[in-house]
């Protein structure tokens, strides 16, 4: 049974619907009809974030509960510091039924470097 569950989870995760877009190609126009979520910690968010981003900490034990308040029919852009957490969050959102999830690859560090 454990083997079946493991194979099933690998299949589900490999069929994820999320897309990736370099954060350096992202603009505020992208979120006219979408939601931008910063999945970093509140401390990281307080040090700087992209305008109009909502902070929902991926490491928070209530992450799933908090993300459930986001409209599943909207396009959701996710970013973190470098891209690891947002990629994991994108996979999770796909499994929760979100239809259009875009992971902003490169993360906030790449955003800051581009916008200096």
PDB file of N, CA and C in Angstrom:
ATOM      1  N   UNK A   1       0.817  -1.193   0.000  1.00  0.00           N
ATOM      2  CA  UNK A   1       0.000   0.000   0.000  1.00  0.00           C
ATOM      3  C   UNK A   1       0.865   1.262   0.000  1.00  0.00           C
ATOM      4  N   UNK A   2       1.948   1.238   0.788  1.00  0.00           N
ATOM      5  CA  UNK A   2       2.837   2.393   0.828  1.00  0.00           C
ATOM      6  C   UNK A   2       3.436   2.652  -0.551  1.00  0.00           C
ATOM      7  N   UNK A   3       3.777   1.578  -1.233  1.00  0.00           N
ATOM      8  CA  UNK A   3       4.372   1.703  -2.564  1.00  0.00           C
ATOM      9  C   UNK A   3       3.366   2.350  -3.522  1.00  0.00           C
ATOM     10  N   UNK A   4       2.108   1.926  -3.468  1.00  0.00           N
ATOM     11  CA  UNK A   4       1.068   2.514  -4.316  1.00  0.00           C
ATOM     12  C   UNK A   4       0.928   4.007  -4.033  1.00  0.00           C
ATOM     13  N   UNK A   5       0.887   4.380  -2.743  1.00  0.00           N
ATOM     14  CA  UNK A   5       0.750   5.782  -2.371  1.00  0.00           C
ATOM     15  C   UNK A   5       1.929   6.595  -2.903  1.00  0.00           C
ATOM     16  N   UNK A   6       3.128   6.079  -2.779  1.00  0.00           N
ATOM     17  CA  UNK A   6       4.313   6.780  -3.256  1.00  0.00           C
ATOM     18  C   UNK A   6       4.255   6.968  -4.773  1.00  0.00           C
ATOM     19  N   UNK A   7       3.904   5.928  -5.503  1.00  0.00           N
ATOM     20  CA  UNK A   7       3.785   6.025  -6.959  1.00  0.00           C
ATOM     21  C   UNK A   7       2.691   7.022  -7.333  1.00  0.00           C
ATOM     22  N   UNK A   8       1.573   6.976  -6.625  1.00  0.00           N
ATOM     23  CA  UNK A   8       0.483   7.902  -6.882  1.00  0.00           C
ATOM     24  C   UNK A   8       0.925   9.347  -6.664  1.00  0.00           C
ATOM     25  N   UNK A   9       1.616   9.617  -5.566  1.00  0.00           N
ATOM     26  CA  UNK A   9       2.060  10.986  -5.267  1.00  0.00           C
ATOM     27  C   UNK A   9       3.065  11.479  -6.310  1.00  0.00           C
ATOM     28  N   UNK A  10       3.970  10.624  -6.739  1.00  0.00           N
ATOM     29  CA  UNK A  10       4.930  11.009  -7.781  1.00  0.00           C
ATOM     30  C   UNK A  10       4.181  11.347  -9.065  1.00  0.00           C
ATOM     31  N   UNK A  11       3.177  10.543  -9.414  1.00  0.00           N
ATOM     32  CA  UNK A  11       2.376  10.805 -10.612  1.00  0.00           C
ATOM     33  C   UNK A  11       1.638  12.131 -10.501  1.00  0.00           C
ATOM     34  N   UNK A  12       1.000  12.365  -9.370  1.00  0.00           N
ATOM     35  CA  UNK A  12       0.240  13.599  -9.170  1.00  0.00           C
ATOM     36  C   UNK A  12       1.169  14.805  -9.254  1.00  0.00           C
ATOM     37  N   UNK A  13       2.296  14.750  -8.593  1.00  0.00           N
ATOM     38  CA  UNK A  13       3.222  15.880  -8.603  1.00  0.00           C
ATOM     39  C   UNK A  13       3.840  16.109  -9.969  1.00  0.00           C
ATOM     40  N   UNK A  14       4.035  15.045 -10.740  1.00  0.00           N
ATOM     41  CA  UNK A  14       4.619  15.208 -12.071  1.00  0.00           C
ATOM     42  C   UNK A  14       3.605  15.763 -13.068  1.00  0.00           C
ATOM     43  N   UNK A  15       2.332  15.691 -12.738  1.00  0.00           N
ATOM     44  CA  UNK A  15       1.278  16.201 -13.620  1.00  0.00           C
ATOM     45  C   UNK A  15       0.838  17.611 -13.224  1.00  0.00           C
ATOM     46  N   UNK A  16       1.639  18.283 -12.452  1.00  0.00           N
ATOM     47  CA  UNK A  16       1.271  19.614 -11.962  1.00  0.00           C
ATOM     48  C   UNK A  16       0.986  20.562 -13.108  1.00  0.00           C
ATOM     49  N   UNK A  17       0.055  21.469 -12.876  1.00  0.00           N
ATOM     50  CA  UNK A  17      -0.384  22.415 -13.889  1.00  0.00           C
ATOM     51  C   UNK A  17       0.366  23.748 -13.810  1.00  0.00           C
ATOM     52  N   UNK A  18       1.162  23.943 -12.780  1.00  0.00           N
ATOM     53  CA  UNK A  18       1.793  25.239 -12.607  1.00  0.00           C
ATOM     54  C   UNK A  18       2.797  25.511 -13.716  1.00  0.00           C
ATOM     55  N   UNK A  19       2.981  26.793 -13.954  1.00  0.00           N
ATOM     56  CA  UNK A  19       3.907  27.255 -14.972  1.00  0.00           C
ATOM     57  C   UNK A  19       4.984  28.062 -14.280  1.00  0.00           C
ATOM     58  N   UNK A  20       6.051  28.311 -15.010  1.00  0.00           N
ATOM     59  CA  UNK A  20       7.149  29.110 -14.493  1.00  0.00           C
ATOM     60  C   UNK A  20       7.375  30.287 -15.418  1.00  0.00           C
ATOM     61  N   UNK A  21       7.658  31.431 -14.799  1.00  0.00           N
ATOM     62  CA  UNK A  21       7.988  32.634 -15.549  1.00  0.00           C
ATOM     63  C   UNK A  21       9.154  33.286 -14.819  1.00  0.00           C
ATOM     64  N   UNK A  22      10.194  33.703 -15.530  1.00  0.00           N
ATOM     65  CA  UNK A  22      11.284  34.399 -14.849  1.00  0.00           C
ATOM     66  C   UNK A  22      10.750  35.669 -14.174  1.00  0.00           C
ATOM     67  N   UNK A  23      11.118  35.864 -12.940  1.00  0.00           N
ATOM     68  CA  UNK A  23      10.626  37.027 -12.203  1.00  0.00           C
ATOM     69  C   UNK A  23      11.105  38.326 -12.855  1.00  0.00           C
ATOM     70  N   UNK A  24      12.199  38.258 -13.574  1.00  0.00           N
ATOM     71  CA  UNK A  24      12.725  39.445 -14.252  1.00  0.00           C
ATOM     72  C   UNK A  24      11.837  39.881 -15.421  1.00  0.00           C
ATOM     73  N   UNK A  25      10.913  39.007 -15.849  1.00  0.00           N
ATOM     74  CA  UNK A  25       9.965  39.341 -16.915  1.00  0.00           C
ATOM     75  C   UNK A  25       8.593  39.732 -16.363  1.00  0.00           C
ATOM     76  N   UNK A  26       8.445  39.687 -15.063  1.00  0.00           N
ATOM     77  CA  UNK A  26       7.196  40.024 -14.396  1.00  0.00           C
ATOM     78  C   UNK A  26       7.044  41.538 -14.299  1.00  0.00           C
ATOM     79  N   UNK A  27       5.805  42.020 -14.456  1.00  0.00           N
ATOM     80  CA  UNK A  27       5.531  43.445 -14.242  1.00  0.00           C
ATOM     81  C   UNK A  27       4.207  43.579 -13.493  1.00  0.00           C
ATOM     82  N   UNK A  28       3.959  44.743 -12.956  1.00  0.00           N
ATOM     83  CA  UNK A  28       2.721  44.996 -12.226  1.00  0.00           C
ATOM     84  C   UNK A  28       1.498  44.805 -13.133  1.00  0.00           C
ATOM     85  N   UNK A  29       1.666  44.969 -14.437  1.00  0.00           N
ATOM     86  CA  UNK A  29       0.555  44.743 -15.372  1.00  0.00           C
ATOM     87  C   UNK A  29       0.083  43.295 -15.341  1.00  0.00           C
ATOM     88  N   UNK A  30       0.989  42.369 -14.976  1.00  0.00           N
ATOM     89  CA  UNK A  30       0.628  40.951 -14.920  1.00  0.00           C
ATOM     90  C   UNK A  30      -0.430  40.661 -13.866  1.00  0.00           C
ATOM     91  N   UNK A  31      -0.527  41.514 -12.866  1.00  0.00           N
ATOM     92  CA  UNK A  31      -1.471  41.221 -11.780  1.00  0.00           C
ATOM     93  C   UNK A  31      -2.734  42.066 -11.829  1.00  0.00           C
ATOM     94  N   UNK A  32      -3.036  42.637 -12.992  1.00  0.00           N
ATOM     95  CA  UNK A  32      -4.275  43.404 -13.114  1.00  0.00           C
ATOM     96  C   UNK A  32      -5.488  42.569 -12.742  1.00  0.00           C
ATOM     97  N   UNK A  33      -5.499  41.329 -13.125  1.00  0.00           N
ATOM     98  CA  UNK A  33      -6.615  40.436 -12.822  1.00  0.00           C
ATOM     99  C   UNK A  33      -6.102  39.159 -12.154  1.00  0.00           C
ATOM    100  N   UNK A  34      -5.051  39.313 -11.352  1.00  0.00           N
ATOM    101  CA  UNK A  34      -4.406  38.163 -10.723  1.00  0.00           C
ATOM    102  C   UNK A  34      -4.032  38.519  -9.287  1.00  0.00           C
ATOM    103  N   UNK A  35      -3.402  37.564  -8.615  1.00  0.00           N
ATOM    104  CA  UNK A  35      -2.979  37.751  -7.232  1.00  0.00           C
ATOM    105  C   UNK A  35      -1.491  37.426  -7.145  1.00  0.00           C
ATOM    106  N   UNK A  36      -0.741  38.278  -6.482  1.00  0.00           N
ATOM    107  CA  UNK A  36       0.692  38.086  -6.269  1.00  0.00           C
ATOM    108  C   UNK A  36       0.920  37.715  -4.812  1.00  0.00           C
ATOM    109  N   UNK A  37       1.560  36.554  -4.594  1.00  0.00           N
ATOM    110  CA  UNK A  37       1.789  36.074  -3.231  1.00  0.00           C
ATOM    111  C   UNK A  37       3.273  35.871  -2.988  1.00  0.00           C
ATOM    112  N   UNK A  38       3.754  36.496  -1.930  1.00  0.00           N
ATOM    113  CA  UNK A  38       5.121  36.335  -1.444  1.00  0.00           C
ATOM    114  C   UNK A  38       5.067  35.259  -0.368  1.00  0.00           C
ATOM    115  N   UNK A  39       5.728  34.125  -0.598  1.00  0.00           N
ATOM    116  CA  UNK A  39       5.644  33.006   0.342  1.00  0.00           C
ATOM    117  C   UNK A  39       6.802  32.989   1.344  1.00  0.00           C
ATOM    118  N   UNK A  40       7.547  34.090   1.423  1.00  0.00           N
ATOM    119  CA  UNK A  40       8.641  34.181   2.386  1.00  0.00           C
ATOM    120  C   UNK A  40       8.083  34.440   3.792  1.00  0.00           C
ATOM    121  N   UNK A  41       8.978  34.446   4.763  1.00  0.00           N
ATOM    122  CA  UNK A  41       8.572  34.724   6.138  1.00  0.00           C
ATOM    123  C   UNK A  41       8.184  36.188   6.282  1.00  0.00           C
ATOM    124  N   UNK A  42       7.409  36.522   7.314  1.00  0.00           N
ATOM    125  CA  UNK A  42       7.056  37.937   7.539  1.00  0.00           C
ATOM    126  C   UNK A  42       8.296  38.823   7.730  1.00  0.00           C
ATOM    127  N   UNK A  43       9.332  38.274   8.329  1.00  0.00           N
ATOM    128  CA  UNK A  43      10.569  39.041   8.519  1.00  0.00           C
ATOM    129  C   UNK A  43      11.215  39.371   7.178  1.00  0.00           C
ATOM    130  N   UNK A  44      11.258  38.400   6.271  1.00  0.00           N
ATOM    131  CA  UNK A  44      11.816  38.645   4.931  1.00  0.00           C
ATOM    132  C   UNK A  44      10.957  39.659   4.181  1.00  0.00           C
ATOM    133  N   UNK A  45       9.653  39.495   4.267  1.00  0.00           N
ATOM    134  CA  UNK A  45       8.706  40.390   3.607  1.00  0.00           C
ATOM    135  C   UNK A  45       8.889  41.829   4.093  1.00  0.00           C
ATOM    136  N   UNK A  46       9.081  42.001   5.392  1.00  0.00           N
ATOM    137  CA  UNK A  46       9.241  43.339   5.976  1.00  0.00           C
ATOM    138  C   UNK A  46      10.504  44.037   5.477  1.00  0.00           C
ATOM    139  N   UNK A  47      11.503  43.268   5.072  1.00  0.00           N
ATOM    140  CA  UNK A  47      12.753  43.854   4.565  1.00  0.00           C
ATOM    141  C   UNK A  47      12.617  44.352   3.127  1.00  0.00           C
ATOM    142  N   UNK A  48      11.531  44.012   2.482  1.00  0.00           N
ATOM    143  CA  UNK A  48      11.276  44.445   1.121  1.00  0.00           C
ATOM    144  C   UNK A  48      10.462  43.401   0.374  1.00  0.00           C
ATOM    145  N   UNK A  49       9.581  43.879  -0.497  1.00  0.00           N
ATOM    146  CA  UNK A  49       8.725  42.973  -1.265  1.00  0.00           C
ATOM    147  C   UNK A  49       8.258  43.696  -2.523  1.00  0.00           C
ATOM    148  N   UNK A  50       7.699  42.948  -3.450  1.00  0.00           N
ATOM    149  CA  UNK A  50       7.159  43.521  -4.682  1.00  0.00           C
ATOM    150  C   UNK A  50       5.830  44.190  -4.346  1.00  0.00           C
ATOM    151  N   UNK A  51       5.611  45.366  -4.924  1.00  0.00           N
ATOM    152  CA  UNK A  51       4.360  46.094  -4.691  1.00  0.00           C
ATOM    153  C   UNK A  51       3.147  45.209  -4.955  1.00  0.00           C
ATOM    154  N   UNK A  52       2.147  45.343  -4.114  1.00  0.00           N
ATOM    155  CA  UNK A  52       0.867  44.633  -4.215  1.00  0.00           C
ATOM    156  C   UNK A  52       0.946  43.147  -3.872  1.00  0.00           C
ATOM    157  N   UNK A  53       2.060  42.706  -3.310  1.00  0.00           N
ATOM    158  CA  UNK A  53       2.185  41.291  -2.925  1.00  0.00           C
ATOM    159  C   UNK A  53       1.539  41.059  -1.561  1.00  0.00           C
ATOM    160  N   UNK A  54       0.867  39.930  -1.458  1.00  0.00           N
ATOM    161  CA  UNK A  54       0.292  39.464  -0.193  1.00  0.00           C
ATOM    162  C   UNK A  54       1.298  38.497   0.407  1.00  0.00           C
ATOM    163  N   UNK A  55       1.558  38.607   1.687  1.00  0.00           N
ATOM    164  CA  UNK A  55       2.512  37.703   2.340  1.00  0.00           C
ATOM    165  C   UNK A  55       1.766  36.547   2.997  1.00  0.00           C
ATOM    166  N   UNK A  56       2.033  35.334   2.499  1.00  0.00           N
ATOM    167  CA  UNK A  56       1.520  34.110   3.123  1.00  0.00           C
ATOM    168  C   UNK A  56       2.727  33.190   3.278  1.00  0.00           C
ATOM    169  N   UNK A  57       3.207  33.053   4.490  1.00  0.00           N
ATOM    170  CA  UNK A  57       4.428  32.330   4.817  1.00  0.00           C
ATOM    171  C   UNK A  57       4.283  30.830   4.536  1.00  0.00           C
ATOM    172  N   UNK A  58       5.081  30.317   3.606  1.00  0.00           N
ATOM    173  CA  UNK A  58       5.031  28.902   3.250  1.00  0.00           C
ATOM    174  C   UNK A  58       5.353  28.010   4.450  1.00  0.00           C
ATOM    175  N   UNK A  59       6.209  28.490   5.354  1.00  0.00           N
ATOM    176  CA  UNK A  59       6.609  27.693   6.517  1.00  0.00           C
ATOM    177  C   UNK A  59       5.599  27.744   7.662  1.00  0.00           C
ATOM    178  N   UNK A  60       4.588  28.576   7.561  1.00  0.00           N
ATOM    179  CA  UNK A  60       3.580  28.683   8.615  1.00  0.00           C
ATOM    180  C   UNK A  60       2.740  27.404   8.638  1.00  0.00           C
ATOM    181  N   UNK A  61       2.465  26.910   9.819  1.00  0.00           N
ATOM    182  CA  UNK A  61       1.678  25.676   9.931  1.00  0.00           C
ATOM    183  C   UNK A  61       0.260  25.838   9.387  1.00  0.00           C
ATOM    184  N   UNK A  62      -0.202  27.070   9.260  1.00  0.00           N
ATOM    185  CA  UNK A  62      -1.533  27.343   8.721  1.00  0.00           C
ATOM    186  C   UNK A  62      -1.498  27.786   7.261  1.00  0.00           C
ATOM    187  N   UNK A  63      -0.422  27.480   6.557  1.00  0.00           N
ATOM    188  CA  UNK A  63      -0.288  27.932   5.175  1.00  0.00           C
ATOM    189  C   UNK A  63      -1.482  27.497   4.318  1.00  0.00           C
ATOM    190  N   UNK A  64      -1.863  26.241   4.390  1.00  0.00           N
ATOM    191  CA  UNK A  64      -2.965  25.738   3.565  1.00  0.00           C
ATOM    192  C   UNK A  64      -4.263  26.460   3.905  1.00  0.00           C
ATOM    193  N   UNK A  65      -4.496  26.685   5.179  1.00  0.00           N
ATOM    194  CA  UNK A  65      -5.706  27.398   5.610  1.00  0.00           C
ATOM    195  C   UNK A  65      -5.693  28.840   5.082  1.00  0.00           C
ATOM    196  N   UNK A  66      -4.547  29.496   5.149  1.00  0.00           N
ATOM    197  CA  UNK A  66      -4.441  30.875   4.686  1.00  0.00           C
ATOM    198  C   UNK A  66      -4.565  30.961   3.165  1.00  0.00           C
ATOM    199  N   UNK A  67      -3.940  30.032   2.464  1.00  0.00           N
ATOM    200  CA  UNK A  67      -3.980  30.063   0.997  1.00  0.00           C
ATOM    201  C   UNK A  67      -5.385  29.740   0.497  1.00  0.00           C
ATOM    202  N   UNK A  68      -6.160  29.025   1.303  1.00  0.00           N
ATOM    203  CA  UNK A  68      -7.532  28.671   0.917  1.00  0.00           C
ATOM    204  C   UNK A  68      -8.432  29.892   0.771  1.00  0.00           C
ATOM    205  N   UNK A  69      -8.006  31.038   1.299  1.00  0.00           N
ATOM    206  CA  UNK A  69      -8.801  32.260   1.169  1.00  0.00           C
ATOM    207  C   UNK A  69      -8.602  32.920  -0.198  1.00  0.00           C
ATOM    208  N   UNK A  70      -7.637  32.438  -0.960  1.00  0.00           N
ATOM    209  CA  UNK A  70      -7.349  32.993  -2.289  1.00  0.00           C
ATOM    210  C   UNK A  70      -8.252  32.318  -3.319  1.00  0.00           C
ATOM    211  N   UNK A  71      -8.862  33.106  -4.163  1.00  0.00           N
ATOM    212  CA  UNK A  71      -9.784  32.631  -5.198  1.00  0.00           C
ATOM    213  C   UNK A  71      -9.076  31.643  -6.138  1.00  0.00           C
ATOM    214  N   UNK A  72      -9.586  30.418  -6.210  1.00  0.00           N
ATOM    215  CA  UNK A  72      -8.962  29.377  -7.035  1.00  0.00           C
ATOM    216  C   UNK A  72      -9.093  29.638  -8.532  1.00  0.00           C
ATOM    217  N   UNK A  73     -10.013  30.505  -8.925  1.00  0.00           N
ATOM    218  CA  UNK A  73     -10.197  30.778 -10.351  1.00  0.00           C
ATOM    219  C   UNK A  73      -9.260  31.871 -10.871  1.00  0.00           C
ATOM    220  N   UNK A  74      -8.618  32.591  -9.967  1.00  0.00           N
ATOM    221  CA  UNK A  74      -7.703  33.663 -10.367  1.00  0.00           C
ATOM    222  C   UNK A  74      -6.317  33.111 -10.698  1.00  0.00           C
ATOM    223  N   UNK A  75      -5.602  33.831 -11.542  1.00  0.00           N
ATOM    224  CA  UNK A  75      -4.192  33.513 -11.765  1.00  0.00           C
ATOM    225  C   UNK A  75      -3.445  33.908 -10.505  1.00  0.00           C
ATOM    226  N   UNK A  76      -2.590  33.006 -10.027  1.00  0.00           N
ATOM    227  CA  UNK A  76      -1.815  33.255  -8.819  1.00  0.00           C
ATOM    228  C   UNK A  76      -0.328  33.230  -9.183  1.00  0.00           C
ATOM    229  N   UNK A  77       0.347  34.345  -8.917  1.00  0.00           N
ATOM    230  CA  UNK A  77       1.799  34.435  -9.085  1.00  0.00           C
ATOM    231  C   UNK A  77       2.430  34.243  -7.713  1.00  0.00           C
ATOM    232  N   UNK A  78       3.455  33.393  -7.651  1.00  0.00           N
ATOM    233  CA  UNK A  78       4.141  33.105  -6.401  1.00  0.00           C
ATOM    234  C   UNK A  78       5.621  33.439  -6.522  1.00  0.00           C
ATOM    235  N   UNK A  79       6.178  33.995  -5.449  1.00  0.00           N
ATOM    236  CA  UNK A  79       7.630  34.171  -5.414  1.00  0.00           C
ATOM    237  C   UNK A  79       8.130  34.023  -3.983  1.00  0.00           C
ATOM    238  N   UNK A  80       9.428  33.732  -3.875  1.00  0.00           N
ATOM    239  CA  UNK A  80      10.085  33.654  -2.576  1.00  0.00           C
ATOM    240  C   UNK A  80      11.447  34.338  -2.713  1.00  0.00           C
ATOM    241  N   UNK A  81      12.426  33.910  -1.972  1.00  0.00           N
ATOM    242  CA  UNK A  81      13.745  34.556  -2.026  1.00  0.00           C
ATOM    243  C   UNK A  81      14.501  34.189  -3.296  1.00  0.00           C
ATOM    244  N   UNK A  82      14.563  32.883  -3.605  1.00  0.00           N
ATOM    245  CA  UNK A  82      15.324  32.426  -4.772  1.00  0.00           C
ATOM    246  C   UNK A  82      14.546  31.511  -5.702  1.00  0.00           C
ATOM    247  N   UNK A  83      13.458  30.928  -5.236  1.00  0.00           N
ATOM    248  CA  UNK A  83      12.638  30.092  -6.100  1.00  0.00           C
ATOM    249  C   UNK A  83      12.259  28.733  -5.553  1.00  0.00           C
ATOM    250  N   UNK A  84      12.903  28.270  -4.500  1.00  0.00           N
ATOM    251  CA  UNK A  84      12.613  26.939  -3.958  1.00  0.00           C
ATOM    252  C   UNK A  84      11.252  26.830  -3.300  1.00  0.00           C
ATOM    253  N   UNK A  85      10.961  27.731  -2.389  1.00  0.00           N
ATOM    254  CA  UNK A  85       9.671  27.694  -1.681  1.00  0.00           C
ATOM    255  C   UNK A  85       8.502  27.950  -2.618  1.00  0.00           C
ATOM    256  N   UNK A  86       8.684  28.887  -3.546  1.00  0.00           N
ATOM    257  CA  UNK A  86       7.564  29.190  -4.450  1.00  0.00           C
ATOM    258  C   UNK A  86       7.277  28.010  -5.373  1.00  0.00           C
ATOM    259  N   UNK A  87       8.298  27.275  -5.777  1.00  0.00           N
ATOM    260  CA  UNK A  87       8.074  26.082  -6.609  1.00  0.00           C
ATOM    261  C   UNK A  87       7.295  25.029  -5.826  1.00  0.00           C
ATOM    262  N   UNK A  88       7.649  24.833  -4.560  1.00  0.00           N
ATOM    263  CA  UNK A  88       6.921  23.880  -3.718  1.00  0.00           C
ATOM    264  C   UNK A  88       5.482  24.361  -3.480  1.00  0.00           C
ATOM    265  N   UNK A  89       5.332  25.650  -3.243  1.00  0.00           N
ATOM    266  CA  UNK A  89       3.991  26.204  -3.030  1.00  0.00           C
ATOM    267  C   UNK A  89       3.142  26.056  -4.287  1.00  0.00           C
ATOM    268  N   UNK A  90       3.743  26.260  -5.465  1.00  0.00           N
ATOM    269  CA  UNK A  90       3.008  26.115  -6.727  1.00  0.00           C
ATOM    270  C   UNK A  90       2.490  24.690  -6.886  1.00  0.00           C
ATOM    271  N   UNK A  91       3.321  23.719  -6.566  1.00  0.00           N
ATOM    272  CA  UNK A  91       2.899  22.318  -6.650  1.00  0.00           C
ATOM    273  C   UNK A  91       1.755  22.050  -5.679  1.00  0.00           C
ATOM    274  N   UNK A  92       1.854  22.604  -4.491  1.00  0.00           N
ATOM    275  CA  UNK A  92       0.796  22.432  -3.497  1.00  0.00           C
ATOM    276  C   UNK A  92      -0.514  23.068  -3.965  1.00  0.00           C
ATOM    277  N   UNK A  93      -0.438  24.286  -4.500  1.00  0.00           N
ATOM    278  CA  UNK A  93      -1.651  24.955  -4.985  1.00  0.00           C
ATOM    279  C   UNK A  93      -2.299  24.165  -6.119  1.00  0.00           C
ATOM    280  N   UNK A  94      -1.493  23.601  -6.991  1.00  0.00           N
ATOM    281  CA  UNK A  94      -2.034  22.748  -8.059  1.00  0.00           C
ATOM    282  C   UNK A  94      -2.829  21.596  -7.459  1.00  0.00           C
ATOM    283  N   UNK A  95      -2.274  20.983  -6.433  1.00  0.00           N
ATOM    284  CA  UNK A  95      -2.957  19.837  -5.819  1.00  0.00           C
ATOM    285  C   UNK A  95      -4.231  20.262  -5.095  1.00  0.00           C
ATOM    286  N   UNK A  96      -4.329  21.545  -4.738  1.00  0.00           N
ATOM    287  CA  UNK A  96      -5.517  22.057  -4.051  1.00  0.00           C
ATOM    288  C   UNK A  96      -6.590  22.563  -5.010  1.00  0.00           C
ATOM    289  N   UNK A  97      -6.319  22.464  -6.314  1.00  0.00           N
ATOM    290  CA  UNK A  97      -7.330  22.820  -7.298  1.00  0.00           C
ATOM    291  C   UNK A  97      -7.203  24.186  -7.932  1.00  0.00           C
ATOM    292  N   UNK A  98      -6.115  24.890  -7.681  1.00  0.00           N
ATOM    293  CA  UNK A  98      -5.917  26.187  -8.326  1.00  0.00           C
ATOM    294  C   UNK A  98      -5.662  25.948  -9.808  1.00  0.00           C
ATOM    295  N   UNK A  99      -6.310  26.732 -10.649  1.00  0.00           N
ATOM    296  CA  UNK A  99      -6.299  26.489 -12.097  1.00  0.00           C
ATOM    297  C   UNK A  99      -5.112  27.095 -12.834  1.00  0.00           C
ATOM    298  N   UNK A 100      -4.616  28.228 -12.379  1.00  0.00           N
ATOM    299  CA  UNK A 100      -3.542  28.897 -13.096  1.00  0.00           C
ATOM    300  C   UNK A 100      -2.535  29.465 -12.100  1.00  0.00           C
ATOM    301  N   UNK A 101      -1.496  28.688 -11.836  1.00  0.00           N
ATOM    302  CA  UNK A 101      -0.462  29.058 -10.880  1.00  0.00           C
ATOM    303  C   UNK A 101       0.828  29.299 -11.647  1.00  0.00           C
ATOM    304  N   UNK A 102       1.467  30.430 -11.376  1.00  0.00           N
ATOM    305  CA  UNK A 102       2.717  30.761 -12.048  1.00  0.00           C
ATOM    306  C   UNK A 102       3.784  31.040 -10.996  1.00  0.00           C
ATOM    307  N   UNK A 103       4.827  30.226 -11.029  1.00  0.00           N
ATOM    308  CA  UNK A 103       5.965  30.386 -10.136  1.00  0.00           C
ATOM    309  C   UNK A 103       6.934  31.374 -10.776  1.00  0.00           C
ATOM    310  N   UNK A 104       7.233  32.461 -10.077  1.00  0.00           N
ATOM    311  CA  UNK A 104       8.157  33.471 -10.585  1.00  0.00           C
ATOM    312  C   UNK A 104       9.589  33.047 -10.241  1.00  0.00           C
ATOM    313  N   UNK A 105      10.213  32.378 -11.192  1.00  0.00           N
ATOM    314  CA  UNK A 105      11.537  31.788 -11.006  1.00  0.00           C
ATOM    315  C   UNK A 105      12.608  32.853 -10.796  1.00  0.00           C
ATOM    316  N   UNK A 106      13.513  32.562  -9.909  1.00  0.00           N
ATOM    317  CA  UNK A 106      14.599  33.474  -9.600  1.00  0.00           C
ATOM    318  C   UNK A 106      14.384  34.199  -8.287  1.00  0.00           C
ATOM    319  N   UNK A 107      13.121  34.395  -7.929  1.00  0.00           N
ATOM    320  CA  UNK A 107      12.777  34.965  -6.647  1.00  0.00           C
ATOM    321  C   UNK A 107      13.087  36.440  -6.466  1.00  0.00           C
ATOM    322  N   UNK A 108      12.861  36.877  -5.247  1.00  0.00           N
ATOM    323  CA  UNK A 108      12.998  38.293  -4.912  1.00  0.00           C
ATOM    324  C   UNK A 108      14.427  38.794  -5.140  1.00  0.00           C
ATOM    325  N   UNK A 109      15.406  37.949  -4.899  1.00  0.00           N
ATOM    326  CA  UNK A 109      16.799  38.366  -5.117  1.00  0.00           C
ATOM    327  C   UNK A 109      17.014  38.781  -6.573  1.00  0.00           C
ATOM    328  N   UNK A 110      16.485  38.015  -7.519  1.00  0.00           N
ATOM    329  CA  UNK A 110      16.617  38.352  -8.943  1.00  0.00           C
ATOM    330  C   UNK A 110      15.838  39.620  -9.267  1.00  0.00           C
ATOM    331  N   UNK A 111      14.676  39.782  -8.639  1.00  0.00           N
ATOM    332  CA  UNK A 111      13.854  40.988  -8.836  1.00  0.00           C
ATOM    333  C   UNK A 111      14.628  42.241  -8.412  1.00  0.00           C
ATOM    334  N   UNK A 112      15.245  42.163  -7.229  1.00  0.00           N
ATOM    335  CA  UNK A 112      16.007  43.301  -6.703  1.00  0.00           C
ATOM    336  C   UNK A 112      17.199  43.600  -7.615  1.00  0.00           C
ATOM    337  N   UNK A 113      17.900  42.566  -8.051  1.00  0.00           N
ATOM    338  CA  UNK A 113      19.049  42.772  -8.943  1.00  0.00           C
ATOM    339  C   UNK A 113      18.649  43.455 -10.232  1.00  0.00           C
ATOM    340  N   UNK A 114      17.515  43.080 -10.793  1.00  0.00           N
ATOM    341  CA  UNK A 114      17.024  43.675 -12.041  1.00  0.00           C
ATOM    342  C   UNK A 114      16.598  45.125 -11.847  1.00  0.00           C
ATOM    343  N   UNK A 115      16.037  45.433 -10.702  1.00  0.00           N
ATOM    344  CA  UNK A 115      15.447  46.743 -10.471  1.00  0.00           C
ATOM    345  C   UNK A 115      16.329  47.701  -9.673  1.00  0.00           C
ATOM    346  N   UNK A 116      17.607  47.467  -9.649  1.00  0.00           N
ATOM    347  CA  UNK A 116      18.531  48.380  -8.939  1.00  0.00           C
ATOM    348  C   UNK A 116      18.685  49.663  -9.691  1.00  0.00           C
TER     349      UNK A 116
END
